[in-house]
PDB file of N, CA and C in Angstrom:
ATOM      1  N   MET A   1       6.829  39.308  -8.178  1.00  0.00           N
ATOM      2  CA  MET A   1       6.202  38.890  -6.956  1.00  0.00           C
ATOM      3  C   MET A   1       4.734  39.409  -6.949  1.00  0.00           C
ATOM      4  N   TYR A   2       3.824  38.406  -6.808  1.00  0.00           N
ATOM      5  CA  TYR A   2       2.406  38.638  -6.942  1.00  0.00           C
ATOM      6  C   TYR A   2       1.998  39.569  -5.898  1.00  0.00           C
ATOM      7  N   VAL A   3       2.382  39.398  -4.635  1.00  0.00           N
ATOM      8  CA  VAL A   3       1.973  40.237  -3.475  1.00  0.00           C
ATOM      9  C   VAL A   3       2.406  41.667  -3.687  1.00  0.00           C
ATOM     10  N   ARG A   4       3.637  41.876  -4.103  1.00  0.00           N
ATOM     11  CA  ARG A   4       4.085  43.286  -4.382  1.00  0.00           C
ATOM     12  C   ARG A   4       3.190  43.988  -5.525  1.00  0.00           C
ATOM     13  N   SER A   5       2.937  43.057  -6.596  1.00  0.00           N
ATOM     14  CA  SER A   5       2.162  43.761  -7.663  1.00  0.00           C
ATOM     15  C   SER A   5       0.684  44.056  -7.154  1.00  0.00           C
ATOM     16  N   VAL A   6       0.196  43.326  -6.344  1.00  0.00           N
ATOM     17  CA  VAL A   6      -1.319  43.578  -5.827  1.00  0.00           C
ATOM     18  C   VAL A   6      -1.155  44.899  -4.993  1.00  0.00           C
ATOM     19  N   VAL A   7      -0.222  44.981  -4.100  1.00  0.00           N
ATOM     20  CA  VAL A   7      -0.173  46.113  -3.306  1.00  0.00           C
ATOM     21  C   VAL A   7       0.240  47.519  -4.045  1.00  0.00           C
ATOM     22  N   ASP A   8       1.110  47.279  -5.028  1.00  0.00           N
ATOM     23  CA  ASP A   8       1.600  48.434  -5.905  1.00  0.00           C
ATOM     24  C   ASP A   8       0.365  48.963  -6.781  1.00  0.00           C
ATOM     25  N   ASP A   9      -0.487  47.994  -7.087  1.00  0.00           N
ATOM     26  CA  ASP A   9      -1.541  48.402  -7.987  1.00  0.00           C
ATOM     27  C   ASP A   9      -2.771  49.059  -7.212  1.00  0.00           C
ATOM     28  N   HIS A  10      -2.716  49.014  -5.911  1.00  0.00           N
ATOM     29  CA  HIS A  10      -3.823  49.628  -5.102  1.00  0.00           C
ATOM     30  C   HIS A  10      -3.396  51.030  -4.702  1.00  0.00           C
ATOM     31  N   PRO A  11      -4.231  51.977  -5.058  1.00  0.00           N
ATOM     32  CA  PRO A  11      -3.994  53.400  -4.816  1.00  0.00           C
ATOM     33  C   PRO A  11      -3.910  53.858  -3.310  1.00  0.00           C
ATOM     34  N   ARG A  12      -4.479  52.945  -2.502  1.00  0.00           N
ATOM     35  CA  ARG A  12      -4.390  53.322  -0.968  1.00  0.00           C
ATOM     36  C   ARG A  12      -3.324  52.750  -0.211  1.00  0.00           C
ATOM     37  N   PHE A  13      -2.506  51.897  -0.936  1.00  0.00           N
ATOM     38  CA  PHE A  13      -1.441  51.266  -0.150  1.00  0.00           C
ATOM     39  C   PHE A  13      -0.117  51.653  -0.706  1.00  0.00           C
ATOM     40  N   GLU A  14       0.963  51.663  -0.074  1.00  0.00           N
ATOM     41  CA  GLU A  14       2.297  52.003  -0.390  1.00  0.00           C
ATOM     42  C   GLU A  14       3.239  51.199   0.249  1.00  0.00           C
ATOM     43  N   VAL A  15       4.204  50.567  -0.619  1.00  0.00           N
ATOM     44  CA  VAL A  15       5.207  49.682  -0.014  1.00  0.00           C
ATOM     45  C   VAL A  15       6.253  50.675   0.443  1.00  0.00           C
ATOM     46  N   VAL A  16       6.556  50.729   1.724  1.00  0.00           N
ATOM     47  CA  VAL A  16       7.644  51.488   2.217  1.00  0.00           C
ATOM     48  C   VAL A  16       8.864  50.831   2.363  1.00  0.00           C
ATOM     49  N   ALA A  17       8.975  49.576   2.513  1.00  0.00           N
ATOM     50  CA  ALA A  17      10.230  48.717   2.618  1.00  0.00           C
ATOM     51  C   ALA A  17       9.872  47.288   2.263  1.00  0.00           C
ATOM     52  N   GLU A  18      11.082  46.615   1.982  1.00  0.00           N
ATOM     53  CA  GLU A  18      11.169  45.164   1.937  1.00  0.00           C
ATOM     54  C   GLU A  18      12.339  44.568   2.597  1.00  0.00           C
ATOM     55  N   ALA A  19      12.121  43.358   3.176  1.00  0.00           N
ATOM     56  CA  ALA A  19      13.274  42.818   3.796  1.00  0.00           C
ATOM     57  C   ALA A  19      13.529  41.370   3.228  1.00  0.00           C
ATOM     58  N   SER A  20      14.704  40.828   3.465  1.00  0.00           N
ATOM     59  CA  SER A  20      15.100  39.508   2.748  1.00  0.00           C
ATOM     60  C   SER A  20      15.114  38.589   3.941  1.00  0.00           C
ATOM     61  N   ASP A  21      15.112  38.983   5.198  1.00  0.00           N
ATOM     62  CA  ASP A  21      15.138  38.091   6.336  1.00  0.00           C
ATOM     63  C   ASP A  21      14.488  38.603   7.555  1.00  0.00           C
ATOM     64  N   GLY A  22      14.245  37.858   8.587  1.00  0.00           N
ATOM     65  CA  GLY A  22      13.571  38.264   9.695  1.00  0.00           C
ATOM     66  C   GLY A  22      14.109  39.446  10.384  1.00  0.00           C
ATOM     67  N   ARG A  23      15.619  39.250  10.619  1.00  0.00           N
ATOM     68  CA  ARG A  23      16.227  40.294  11.278  1.00  0.00           C
ATOM     69  C   ARG A  23      16.147  41.693  10.648  1.00  0.00           C
ATOM     70  N   GLU A  24      16.237  41.727   9.416  1.00  0.00           N
ATOM     71  CA  GLU A  24      16.106  42.911   8.609  1.00  0.00           C
ATOM     72  C   GLU A  24      14.655  43.433   8.619  1.00  0.00           C
ATOM     73  N   ALA A  25      13.730  42.464   8.769  1.00  0.00           N
ATOM     74  CA  ALA A  25      12.293  43.023   8.793  1.00  0.00           C
ATOM     75  C   ALA A  25      12.040  43.638  10.055  1.00  0.00           C
ATOM     76  N   VAL A  26      12.543  43.163  11.139  1.00  0.00           N
ATOM     77  CA  VAL A  26      12.288  43.706  12.514  1.00  0.00           C
ATOM     78  C   VAL A  26      13.001  45.097  12.445  1.00  0.00           C
ATOM     79  N   GLN A  27      14.153  45.348  11.889  1.00  0.00           N
ATOM     80  CA  GLN A  27      14.745  46.502  11.878  1.00  0.00           C
ATOM     81  C   GLN A  27      14.154  47.608  11.055  1.00  0.00           C
ATOM     82  N   ARG A  28      13.559  47.178   9.923  1.00  0.00           N
ATOM     83  CA  ARG A  28      12.740  48.115   9.079  1.00  0.00           C
ATOM     84  C   ARG A  28      11.499  48.448   9.834  1.00  0.00           C
ATOM     85  N   VAL A  29      10.930  47.514  10.441  1.00  0.00           N
ATOM     86  CA  VAL A  29       9.617  47.895  11.193  1.00  0.00           C
ATOM     87  C   VAL A  29       9.887  48.815  12.299  1.00  0.00           C
ATOM     88  N   GLU A  30      11.069  48.653  13.048  1.00  0.00           N
ATOM     89  CA  GLU A  30      11.253  49.581  14.139  1.00  0.00           C
ATOM     90  C   GLU A  30      11.606  51.022  13.490  1.00  0.00           C
ATOM     91  N   GLU A  31      12.279  51.037  12.454  1.00  0.00           N
ATOM     92  CA  GLU A  31      12.699  52.385  11.809  1.00  0.00           C
ATOM     93  C   GLU A  31      11.483  53.083  11.303  1.00  0.00           C
ATOM     94  N   LEU A  32      10.532  52.325  10.625  1.00  0.00           N
ATOM     95  CA  LEU A  32       9.593  53.016   9.756  1.00  0.00           C
ATOM     96  C   LEU A  32       8.168  52.922  10.439  1.00  0.00           C
ATOM     97  N   GLN A  33       7.904  52.178  11.430  1.00  0.00           N
ATOM     98  CA  GLN A  33       6.614  51.995  12.159  1.00  0.00           C
ATOM     99  C   GLN A  33       5.426  51.981  11.148  1.00  0.00           C
ATOM    100  N   PRO A  34       5.406  51.039  10.204  1.00  0.00           N
ATOM    101  CA  PRO A  34       4.340  50.962   9.339  1.00  0.00           C
ATOM    102  C   PRO A  34       3.027  50.641   9.902  1.00  0.00           C
ATOM    103  N   ASP A  35       2.036  50.989   9.201  1.00  0.00           N
ATOM    104  CA  ASP A  35       0.623  50.572   9.608  1.00  0.00           C
ATOM    105  C   ASP A  35       0.439  49.193   9.601  1.00  0.00           C
ATOM    106  N   LEU A  36       0.964  48.533   8.512  1.00  0.00           N
ATOM    107  CA  LEU A  36       0.642  47.188   8.098  1.00  0.00           C
ATOM    108  C   LEU A  36       2.029  46.531   7.683  1.00  0.00           C
ATOM    109  N   VAL A  37       2.257  45.259   8.302  1.00  0.00           N
ATOM    110  CA  VAL A  37       3.376  44.524   7.867  1.00  0.00           C
ATOM    111  C   VAL A  37       2.872  43.146   7.265  1.00  0.00           C
ATOM    112  N   LEU A  38       3.283  42.925   6.053  1.00  0.00           N
ATOM    113  CA  LEU A  38       3.013  41.547   5.490  1.00  0.00           C
ATOM    114  C   LEU A  38       4.200  40.691   5.676  1.00  0.00           C
ATOM    115  N   LEU A  39       4.118  39.508   6.392  1.00  0.00           N
ATOM    116  CA  LEU A  39       5.170  38.816   6.982  1.00  0.00           C
ATOM    117  C   LEU A  39       5.099  37.274   6.557  1.00  0.00           C
ATOM    118  N   ASP A  40       6.097  36.838   6.119  1.00  0.00           N
ATOM    119  CA  ASP A  40       6.106  35.409   5.820  1.00  0.00           C
ATOM    120  C   ASP A  40       6.629  34.697   6.872  1.00  0.00           C
ATOM    121  N   ILE A  41       6.187  33.321   7.104  1.00  0.00           N
ATOM    122  CA  ILE A  41       6.491  32.422   8.200  1.00  0.00           C
ATOM    123  C   ILE A  41       8.019  31.952   7.907  1.00  0.00           C
ATOM    124  N   GLY A  42       8.327  31.621   6.834  1.00  0.00           N
ATOM    125  CA  GLY A  42       9.659  30.975   6.522  1.00  0.00           C
ATOM    126  C   GLY A  42      10.719  31.997   5.938  1.00  0.00           C
ATOM    127  N   LEU A  43      11.168  32.713   6.989  1.00  0.00           N
ATOM    128  CA  LEU A  43      12.291  33.669   6.724  1.00  0.00           C
ATOM    129  C   LEU A  43      13.592  33.130   7.366  1.00  0.00           C
ATOM    130  N   PRO A  44      14.630  33.556   6.640  1.00  0.00           N
ATOM    131  CA  PRO A  44      15.995  33.206   7.220  1.00  0.00           C
ATOM    132  C   PRO A  44      16.332  34.157   8.440  1.00  0.00           C
ATOM    133  N   SER A  45      17.319  33.767   9.230  1.00  0.00           N
ATOM    134  CA  SER A  45      17.823  34.351  10.296  1.00  0.00           C
ATOM    135  C   SER A  45      16.804  34.341  11.500  1.00  0.00           C
ATOM    136  N   ILE A  46      15.735  34.932  11.467  1.00  0.00           N
ATOM    137  CA  ILE A  46      14.554  34.812  12.429  1.00  0.00           C
ATOM    138  C   ILE A  46      13.412  34.458  11.659  1.00  0.00           C
ATOM    139  N   ASP A  47      12.769  33.429  11.977  1.00  0.00           N
ATOM    140  CA  ASP A  47      11.425  33.008  11.252  1.00  0.00           C
ATOM    141  C   ASP A  47      10.302  34.039  11.530  1.00  0.00           C
ATOM    142  N   GLY A  48       9.227  34.082  10.669  1.00  0.00           N
ATOM    143  CA  GLY A  48       8.306  35.023  10.866  1.00  0.00           C
ATOM    144  C   GLY A  48       7.642  35.052  12.258  1.00  0.00           C
ATOM    145  N   ILE A  49       7.488  34.068  12.896  1.00  0.00           N
ATOM    146  CA  ILE A  49       6.855  34.038  14.259  1.00  0.00           C
ATOM    147  C   ILE A  49       7.688  34.756  15.243  1.00  0.00           C
ATOM    148  N   GLY A  50       9.088  34.530  15.261  1.00  0.00           N
ATOM    149  CA  GLY A  50       9.922  35.092  16.087  1.00  0.00           C
ATOM    150  C   GLY A  50      10.079  36.613  15.703  1.00  0.00           C
ATOM    151  N   ALA A  51      10.069  36.966  14.484  1.00  0.00           N
ATOM    152  CA  ALA A  51      10.082  38.324  14.015  1.00  0.00           C
ATOM    153  C   ALA A  51       8.898  39.046  14.550  1.00  0.00           C
ATOM    154  N   ALA A  52       7.764  38.460  14.365  1.00  0.00           N
ATOM    155  CA  ALA A  52       6.523  39.157  14.900  1.00  0.00           C
ATOM    156  C   ALA A  52       6.498  39.398  16.378  1.00  0.00           C
ATOM    157  N   ARG A  53       7.094  38.452  17.171  1.00  0.00           N
ATOM    158  CA  ARG A  53       7.316  38.838  18.542  1.00  0.00           C
ATOM    159  C   ARG A  53       8.048  39.964  18.830  1.00  0.00           C
ATOM    160  N   LEU A  54       9.117  40.046  18.059  1.00  0.00           N
ATOM    161  CA  LEU A  54      10.026  41.204  18.213  1.00  0.00           C
ATOM    162  C   LEU A  54       9.283  42.511  17.840  1.00  0.00           C
ATOM    163  N   MET A  55       8.594  42.402  16.712  1.00  0.00           N
ATOM    164  CA  MET A  55       7.866  43.647  16.035  1.00  0.00           C
ATOM    165  C   MET A  55       6.867  44.165  17.104  1.00  0.00           C
ATOM    166  N   ARG A  56       6.153  43.375  17.718  1.00  0.00           N
ATOM    167  CA  ARG A  56       5.181  43.663  18.778  1.00  0.00           C
ATOM    168  C   ARG A  56       5.859  44.627  19.758  1.00  0.00           C
ATOM    169  N   ARG A  57       7.086  44.365  20.233  1.00  0.00           N
ATOM    170  CA  ARG A  57       7.951  45.144  21.076  1.00  0.00           C
ATOM    171  C   ARG A  57       8.351  46.538  20.612  1.00  0.00           C
ATOM    172  N   VAL A  58       8.927  46.603  19.345  1.00  0.00           N
ATOM    173  CA  VAL A  58       9.339  47.769  18.794  1.00  0.00           C
ATOM    174  C   VAL A  58       8.475  48.635  18.030  1.00  0.00           C
ATOM    175  N   ALA A  59       7.250  47.985  17.615  1.00  0.00           N
ATOM    176  CA  ALA A  59       6.315  48.780  16.832  1.00  0.00           C
ATOM    177  C   ALA A  59       4.867  48.300  17.232  1.00  0.00           C
ATOM    178  N   PRO A  60       4.430  48.584  18.450  1.00  0.00           N
ATOM    179  CA  PRO A  60       3.188  47.961  19.066  1.00  0.00           C
ATOM    180  C   PRO A  60       2.018  48.375  18.247  1.00  0.00           C
ATOM    181  N   ASP A  61       2.080  49.415  17.496  1.00  0.00           N
ATOM    182  CA  ASP A  61       0.753  49.933  16.687  1.00  0.00           C
ATOM    183  C   ASP A  61       0.769  49.361  15.215  1.00  0.00           C
ATOM    184  N   SER A  62       1.852  48.667  14.790  1.00  0.00           N
ATOM    185  CA  SER A  62       1.788  48.082  13.542  1.00  0.00           C
ATOM    186  C   SER A  62       1.023  46.874  13.556  1.00  0.00           C
ATOM    187  N   LYS A  63       0.235  46.674  12.457  1.00  0.00           N
ATOM    188  CA  LYS A  63      -0.681  45.340  12.384  1.00  0.00           C
ATOM    189  C   LYS A  63       0.206  44.473  11.475  1.00  0.00           C
ATOM    190  N   ILE A  64       0.221  43.127  11.912  1.00  0.00           N
ATOM    191  CA  ILE A  64       0.934  42.167  11.098  1.00  0.00           C
ATOM    192  C   ILE A  64      -0.154  41.080  10.549  1.00  0.00           C
ATOM    193  N   LEU A  65       0.225  40.935   9.286  1.00  0.00           N
ATOM    194  CA  LEU A  65      -0.538  40.109   8.419  1.00  0.00           C
ATOM    195  C   LEU A  65       0.453  38.989   7.958  1.00  0.00           C
ATOM    196  N   PHE A  66       0.155  37.727   8.364  1.00  0.00           N
ATOM    197  CA  PHE A  66       1.090  36.663   7.863  1.00  0.00           C
ATOM    198  C   PHE A  66       0.620  36.296   6.490  1.00  0.00           C
ATOM    199  N   LEU A  67       1.560  35.887   5.600  1.00  0.00           N
ATOM    200  CA  LEU A  67       1.192  35.091   4.378  1.00  0.00           C
ATOM    201  C   LEU A  67       2.173  34.113   4.365  1.00  0.00           C
ATOM    202  N   SER A  68       1.576  32.880   4.113  1.00  0.00           N
ATOM    203  CA  SER A  68       2.340  31.712   4.114  1.00  0.00           C
ATOM    204  C   SER A  68       1.685  30.534   3.347  1.00  0.00           C
ATOM    205  N   ALA A  69       2.544  29.579   2.826  1.00  0.00           N
ATOM    206  CA  ALA A  69       1.988  28.427   2.193  1.00  0.00           C
ATOM    207  C   ALA A  69       1.626  27.407   3.267  1.00  0.00           C
ATOM    208  N   ASN A  70       1.976  27.623   4.517  1.00  0.00           N
ATOM    209  CA  ASN A  70       1.734  26.707   5.612  1.00  0.00           C
ATOM    210  C   ASN A  70       0.496  26.780   6.104  1.00  0.00           C
ATOM    211  N   ARG A  71      -0.273  25.606   6.029  1.00  0.00           N
ATOM    212  CA  ARG A  71      -1.669  25.413   6.454  1.00  0.00           C
ATOM    213  C   ARG A  71      -1.894  24.746   7.817  1.00  0.00           C
ATOM    214  N   HIS A  72      -0.784  24.308   8.494  1.00  0.00           N
ATOM    215  CA  HIS A  72      -0.876  23.685   9.764  1.00  0.00           C
ATOM    216  C   HIS A  72      -1.439  24.496  10.814  1.00  0.00           C
ATOM    217  N   SER A  73      -2.592  24.089  11.580  1.00  0.00           N
ATOM    218  CA  SER A  73      -3.242  24.788  12.429  1.00  0.00           C
ATOM    219  C   SER A  73      -2.443  25.205  13.626  1.00  0.00           C
ATOM    220  N   ASP A  74      -1.349  24.437  13.978  1.00  0.00           N
ATOM    221  CA  ASP A  74      -0.532  24.848  15.095  1.00  0.00           C
ATOM    222  C   ASP A  74       0.310  25.961  14.687  1.00  0.00           C
ATOM    223  N   ILE A  75       0.887  26.105  13.397  1.00  0.00           N
ATOM    224  CA  ILE A  75       1.517  27.199  12.976  1.00  0.00           C
ATOM    225  C   ILE A  75       0.661  28.517  12.776  1.00  0.00           C
ATOM    226  N   VAL A  76      -0.467  28.253  12.341  1.00  0.00           N
ATOM    227  CA  VAL A  76      -1.453  29.432  12.285  1.00  0.00           C
ATOM    228  C   VAL A  76      -1.601  29.954  13.645  1.00  0.00           C
ATOM    229  N   GLU A  77      -1.970  29.158  14.614  1.00  0.00           N
ATOM    230  CA  GLU A  77      -2.134  29.635  16.007  1.00  0.00           C
ATOM    231  C   GLU A  77      -0.928  30.355  16.654  1.00  0.00           C
ATOM    232  N   ALA A  78       0.185  29.726  16.297  1.00  0.00           N
ATOM    233  CA  ALA A  78       1.451  30.292  16.888  1.00  0.00           C
ATOM    234  C   ALA A  78       1.678  31.715  16.199  1.00  0.00           C
ATOM    235  N   ALA A  79       1.360  31.754  15.040  1.00  0.00           N
ATOM    236  CA  ALA A  79       1.501  33.137  14.298  1.00  0.00           C
ATOM    237  C   ALA A  79       0.564  34.151  14.910  1.00  0.00           C
ATOM    238  N   LEU A  80      -0.602  33.790  15.149  1.00  0.00           N
ATOM    239  CA  LEU A  80      -1.650  34.524  15.755  1.00  0.00           C
ATOM    240  C   LEU A  80      -1.264  34.974  17.132  1.00  0.00           C
ATOM    241  N   ASN A  81      -0.779  33.945  17.779  1.00  0.00           N
ATOM    242  CA  ASN A  81      -0.467  34.197  19.360  1.00  0.00           C
ATOM    243  C   ASN A  81       0.806  35.001  19.351  1.00  0.00           C
ATOM    244  N   ALA A  82       1.725  35.167  18.375  1.00  0.00           N
ATOM    245  CA  ALA A  82       2.969  35.805  18.413  1.00  0.00           C
ATOM    246  C   ALA A  82       2.643  37.363  18.106  1.00  0.00           C
ATOM    247  N   GLY A  83       1.445  37.742  17.748  1.00  0.00           N
ATOM    248  CA  GLY A  83       1.115  39.163  17.503  1.00  0.00           C
ATOM    249  C   GLY A  83       0.426  39.320  16.183  1.00  0.00           C
ATOM    250  N   GLY A  84       0.211  38.181  15.454  1.00  0.00           N
ATOM    251  CA  GLY A  84      -0.408  38.477  14.108  1.00  0.00           C
ATOM    252  C   GLY A  84      -1.814  38.790  14.193  1.00  0.00           C
ATOM    253  N   HIS A  85      -2.287  39.658  13.363  1.00  0.00           N
ATOM    254  CA  HIS A  85      -3.705  39.997  13.288  1.00  0.00           C
ATOM    255  C   HIS A  85      -4.383  39.226  12.283  1.00  0.00           C
ATOM    256  N   GLY A  86      -3.779  38.622  11.415  1.00  0.00           N
ATOM    257  CA  GLY A  86      -4.321  37.832  10.317  1.00  0.00           C
ATOM    258  C   GLY A  86      -3.324  36.773   9.751  1.00  0.00           C
ATOM    259  N   TYR A  87      -3.845  35.896   8.922  1.00  0.00           N
ATOM    260  CA  TYR A  87      -3.080  34.931   8.333  1.00  0.00           C
ATOM    261  C   TYR A  87      -3.721  34.498   6.961  1.00  0.00           C
ATOM    262  N   VAL A  88      -3.065  34.683   5.860  1.00  0.00           N
ATOM    263  CA  VAL A  88      -3.465  34.289   4.533  1.00  0.00           C
ATOM    264  C   VAL A  88      -2.606  33.309   3.985  1.00  0.00           C
ATOM    265  N   VAL A  89      -3.289  32.257   3.534  1.00  0.00           N
ATOM    266  CA  VAL A  89      -2.539  31.159   2.772  1.00  0.00           C
ATOM    267  C   VAL A  89      -2.253  31.597   1.320  1.00  0.00           C
ATOM    268  N   LYS A  90      -1.034  31.447   1.059  1.00  0.00           N
ATOM    269  CA  LYS A  90      -0.520  31.988  -0.301  1.00  0.00           C
ATOM    270  C   LYS A  90      -1.455  31.610  -1.395  1.00  0.00           C
ATOM    271  N   SER A  91      -2.011  30.372  -1.438  1.00  0.00           N
ATOM    272  CA  SER A  91      -2.795  29.815  -2.406  1.00  0.00           C
ATOM    273  C   SER A  91      -4.118  30.643  -2.607  1.00  0.00           C
ATOM    274  N   ASP A  92      -4.494  31.346  -1.390  1.00  0.00           N
ATOM    275  CA  ASP A  92      -5.769  32.131  -1.435  1.00  0.00           C
ATOM    276  C   ASP A  92      -5.392  33.571  -1.665  1.00  0.00           C
ATOM    277  N   CYS A  93      -4.182  33.927  -2.001  1.00  0.00           N
ATOM    278  CA  CYS A  93      -3.916  35.446  -1.956  1.00  0.00           C
ATOM    279  C   CYS A  93      -4.656  36.174  -3.020  1.00  0.00           C
ATOM    280  N   ALA A  94      -4.915  35.604  -4.269  1.00  0.00           N
ATOM    281  CA  ALA A  94      -5.810  36.339  -5.102  1.00  0.00           C
ATOM    282  C   ALA A  94      -7.051  36.786  -4.715  1.00  0.00           C
ATOM    283  N   HIS A  95      -7.750  35.924  -3.887  1.00  0.00           N
ATOM    284  CA  HIS A  95      -9.001  36.306  -3.286  1.00  0.00           C
ATOM    285  C   HIS A  95      -8.924  37.012  -2.026  1.00  0.00           C
ATOM    286  N   ASP A  96      -7.956  36.644  -1.157  1.00  0.00           N
ATOM    287  CA  ASP A  96      -8.067  37.065   0.365  1.00  0.00           C
ATOM    288  C   ASP A  96      -7.044  38.207   0.552  1.00  0.00           C
ATOM    289  N   LEU A  97      -6.123  38.478  -0.222  1.00  0.00           N
ATOM    290  CA  LEU A  97      -5.052  39.416   0.275  1.00  0.00           C
ATOM    291  C   LEU A  97      -5.579  40.793   0.628  1.00  0.00           C
ATOM    292  N   LEU A  98      -6.354  41.459  -0.312  1.00  0.00           N
ATOM    293  CA  LEU A  98      -6.854  42.820  -0.115  1.00  0.00           C
ATOM    294  C   LEU A  98      -7.956  42.787   1.015  1.00  0.00           C
ATOM    295  N   ILE A  99      -8.763  41.848   0.958  1.00  0.00           N
ATOM    296  CA  ILE A  99      -9.753  41.648   2.095  1.00  0.00           C
ATOM    297  C   ILE A  99      -9.014  41.547   3.239  1.00  0.00           C
ATOM    298  N   ALA A 100      -8.036  40.778   3.564  1.00  0.00           N
ATOM    299  CA  ALA A 100      -7.297  40.718   4.742  1.00  0.00           C
ATOM    300  C   ALA A 100      -6.635  41.950   5.169  1.00  0.00           C
ATOM    301  N   MET A 101      -5.934  42.538   4.238  1.00  0.00           N
ATOM    302  CA  MET A 101      -5.423  43.921   4.574  1.00  0.00           C
ATOM    303  C   MET A 101      -6.327  44.849   5.097  1.00  0.00           C
ATOM    304  N   TRP A 102      -7.423  44.958   4.515  1.00  0.00           N
ATOM    305  CA  TRP A 102      -8.429  45.944   4.930  1.00  0.00           C
ATOM    306  C   TRP A 102      -9.042  45.542   6.389  1.00  0.00           C
ATOM    307  N   ALA A 103      -9.219  44.233   6.529  1.00  0.00           N
ATOM    308  CA  ALA A 103      -9.771  43.851   7.821  1.00  0.00           C
ATOM    309  C   ALA A 103      -8.726  44.052   8.864  1.00  0.00           C
ATOM    310  N   VAL A 104      -7.572  43.718   8.688  1.00  0.00           N
ATOM    311  CA  VAL A 104      -6.539  43.852   9.783  1.00  0.00           C
ATOM    312  C   VAL A 104      -6.358  45.416  10.047  1.00  0.00           C
ATOM    313  N   LEU A 105      -6.320  46.248   9.098  1.00  0.00           N
ATOM    314  CA  LEU A 105      -6.277  47.690   9.202  1.00  0.00           C
ATOM    315  C   LEU A 105      -7.337  48.178  10.080  1.00  0.00           C
ATOM    316  N   LYS A 106      -8.555  47.600   9.983  1.00  0.00           N
ATOM    317  CA  LYS A 106      -9.806  48.024  10.766  1.00  0.00           C
ATOM    318  C   LYS A 106      -9.794  47.364  12.080  1.00  0.00           C
ATOM    319  N   GLU A 107      -8.605  46.649  12.495  1.00  0.00           N
ATOM    320  CA  GLU A 107      -8.391  46.031  13.724  1.00  0.00           C
ATOM    321  C   GLU A 107      -9.462  44.738  13.867  1.00  0.00           C
ATOM    322  N   GLU A 108      -9.649  44.156  12.676  1.00  0.00           N
ATOM    323  CA  GLU A 108     -10.452  42.838  12.789  1.00  0.00           C
ATOM    324  C   GLU A 108      -9.415  41.766  12.483  1.00  0.00           C
ATOM    325  N   LYS A 109      -9.686  40.512  13.085  1.00  0.00           N
ATOM    326  CA  LYS A 109      -8.889  39.387  12.836  1.00  0.00           C
ATOM    327  C   LYS A 109      -9.260  38.829  11.496  1.00  0.00           C
ATOM    328  N   PHE A 110      -8.366  38.092  10.741  1.00  0.00           N
ATOM    329  CA  PHE A 110      -8.724  37.573   9.414  1.00  0.00           C
ATOM    330  C   PHE A 110      -7.920  36.229   9.394  1.00  0.00           C
ATOM    331  N   VAL A 111      -8.518  35.277   8.933  1.00  0.00           N
ATOM    332  CA  VAL A 111      -7.894  34.043   8.547  1.00  0.00           C
ATOM    333  C   VAL A 111      -8.515  33.388   7.211  1.00  0.00           C
ATOM    334  N   SER A 112      -7.548  33.065   6.329  1.00  0.00           N
ATOM    335  CA  SER A 112      -8.100  32.607   4.951  1.00  0.00           C
ATOM    336  C   SER A 112      -9.154  31.704   4.942  1.00  0.00           C
ATOM    337  N   ARG A 113     -10.054  31.623   4.040  1.00  0.00           N
ATOM    338  CA  ARG A 113     -11.219  30.695   4.090  1.00  0.00           C
ATOM    339  C   ARG A 113     -10.744  29.340   4.047  1.00  0.00           C
ATOM    340  N   ALA A 114      -9.538  29.041   3.647  1.00  0.00           N
ATOM    341  CA  ALA A 114      -8.927  27.701   3.519  1.00  0.00           C
ATOM    342  C   ALA A 114      -8.812  27.072   4.819  1.00  0.00           C
ATOM    343  N   LEU A 115      -8.622  28.090   5.922  1.00  0.00           N
ATOM    344  CA  LEU A 115      -8.376  27.725   7.202  1.00  0.00           C
ATOM    345  C   LEU A 115      -9.532  27.847   8.216  1.00  0.00           C
ATOM    346  N   ALA A 116     -10.733  27.668   7.593  1.00  0.00           N
ATOM    347  CA  ALA A 116     -11.953  28.045   8.440  1.00  0.00           C
ATOM    348  C   ALA A 116     -12.010  27.266   9.700  1.00  0.00           C
ATOM    349  N   GLU A 117     -11.452  26.126   9.781  1.00  0.00           N
ATOM    350  CA  GLU A 117     -11.506  25.243  10.878  1.00  0.00           C
ATOM    351  C   GLU A 117     -10.573  25.783  12.173  1.00  0.00           C
ATOM    352  N   VAL A 118      -9.735  26.792  11.817  1.00  0.00           N
ATOM    353  CA  VAL A 118      -8.865  27.290  12.833  1.00  0.00           C
ATOM    354  C   VAL A 118      -9.480  28.383  13.513  1.00  0.00           C
ATOM    355  N   PRO A 119      -9.593  28.387  14.910  1.00  0.00           N
ATOM    356  CA  PRO A 119     -10.265  29.422  15.649  1.00  0.00           C
ATOM    357  C   PRO A 119      -9.423  30.714  15.567  1.00  0.00           C
ATOM    358  N   ILE A 120     -10.004  31.831  15.442  1.00  0.00           N
ATOM    359  CA  ILE A 120      -9.456  33.148  15.434  1.00  0.00           C
ATOM    360  C   ILE A 120      -9.292  33.608  16.828  1.00  0.00           C
ATOM    361  N   LEU A 121      -7.974  33.842  17.322  1.00  0.00           N
ATOM    362  CA  LEU A 121      -7.684  34.132  18.709  1.00  0.00           C
ATOM    363  C   LEU A 121      -8.020  35.538  19.016  1.00  0.00           C
TER     364      LEU A 121
END
């Protein structure tokens, strides 16, 4: 997994958990209260947008950064409205992932450059 290798290779970040579906992701976030959550839109059981809404309730201080291949502006807006602090298009991960992670941790909004036409909420 490219994302995992980028995070593992950076000395300031630590992966504390991974989840295979939305329900498990919400449980892990509630238990661990991470600083940053990398969340895909297309998850089984509960999609990423639904999971983000639940995460906002159980871990209000955790920042959520969405990673998705989906470029539709309505999905990006829904993700940000659900509590996402940023949205990275997977095809832009090589350039945008670390930049987005730092921005979100500094409480800045971030949207991939491929989505420049989407207003940041």
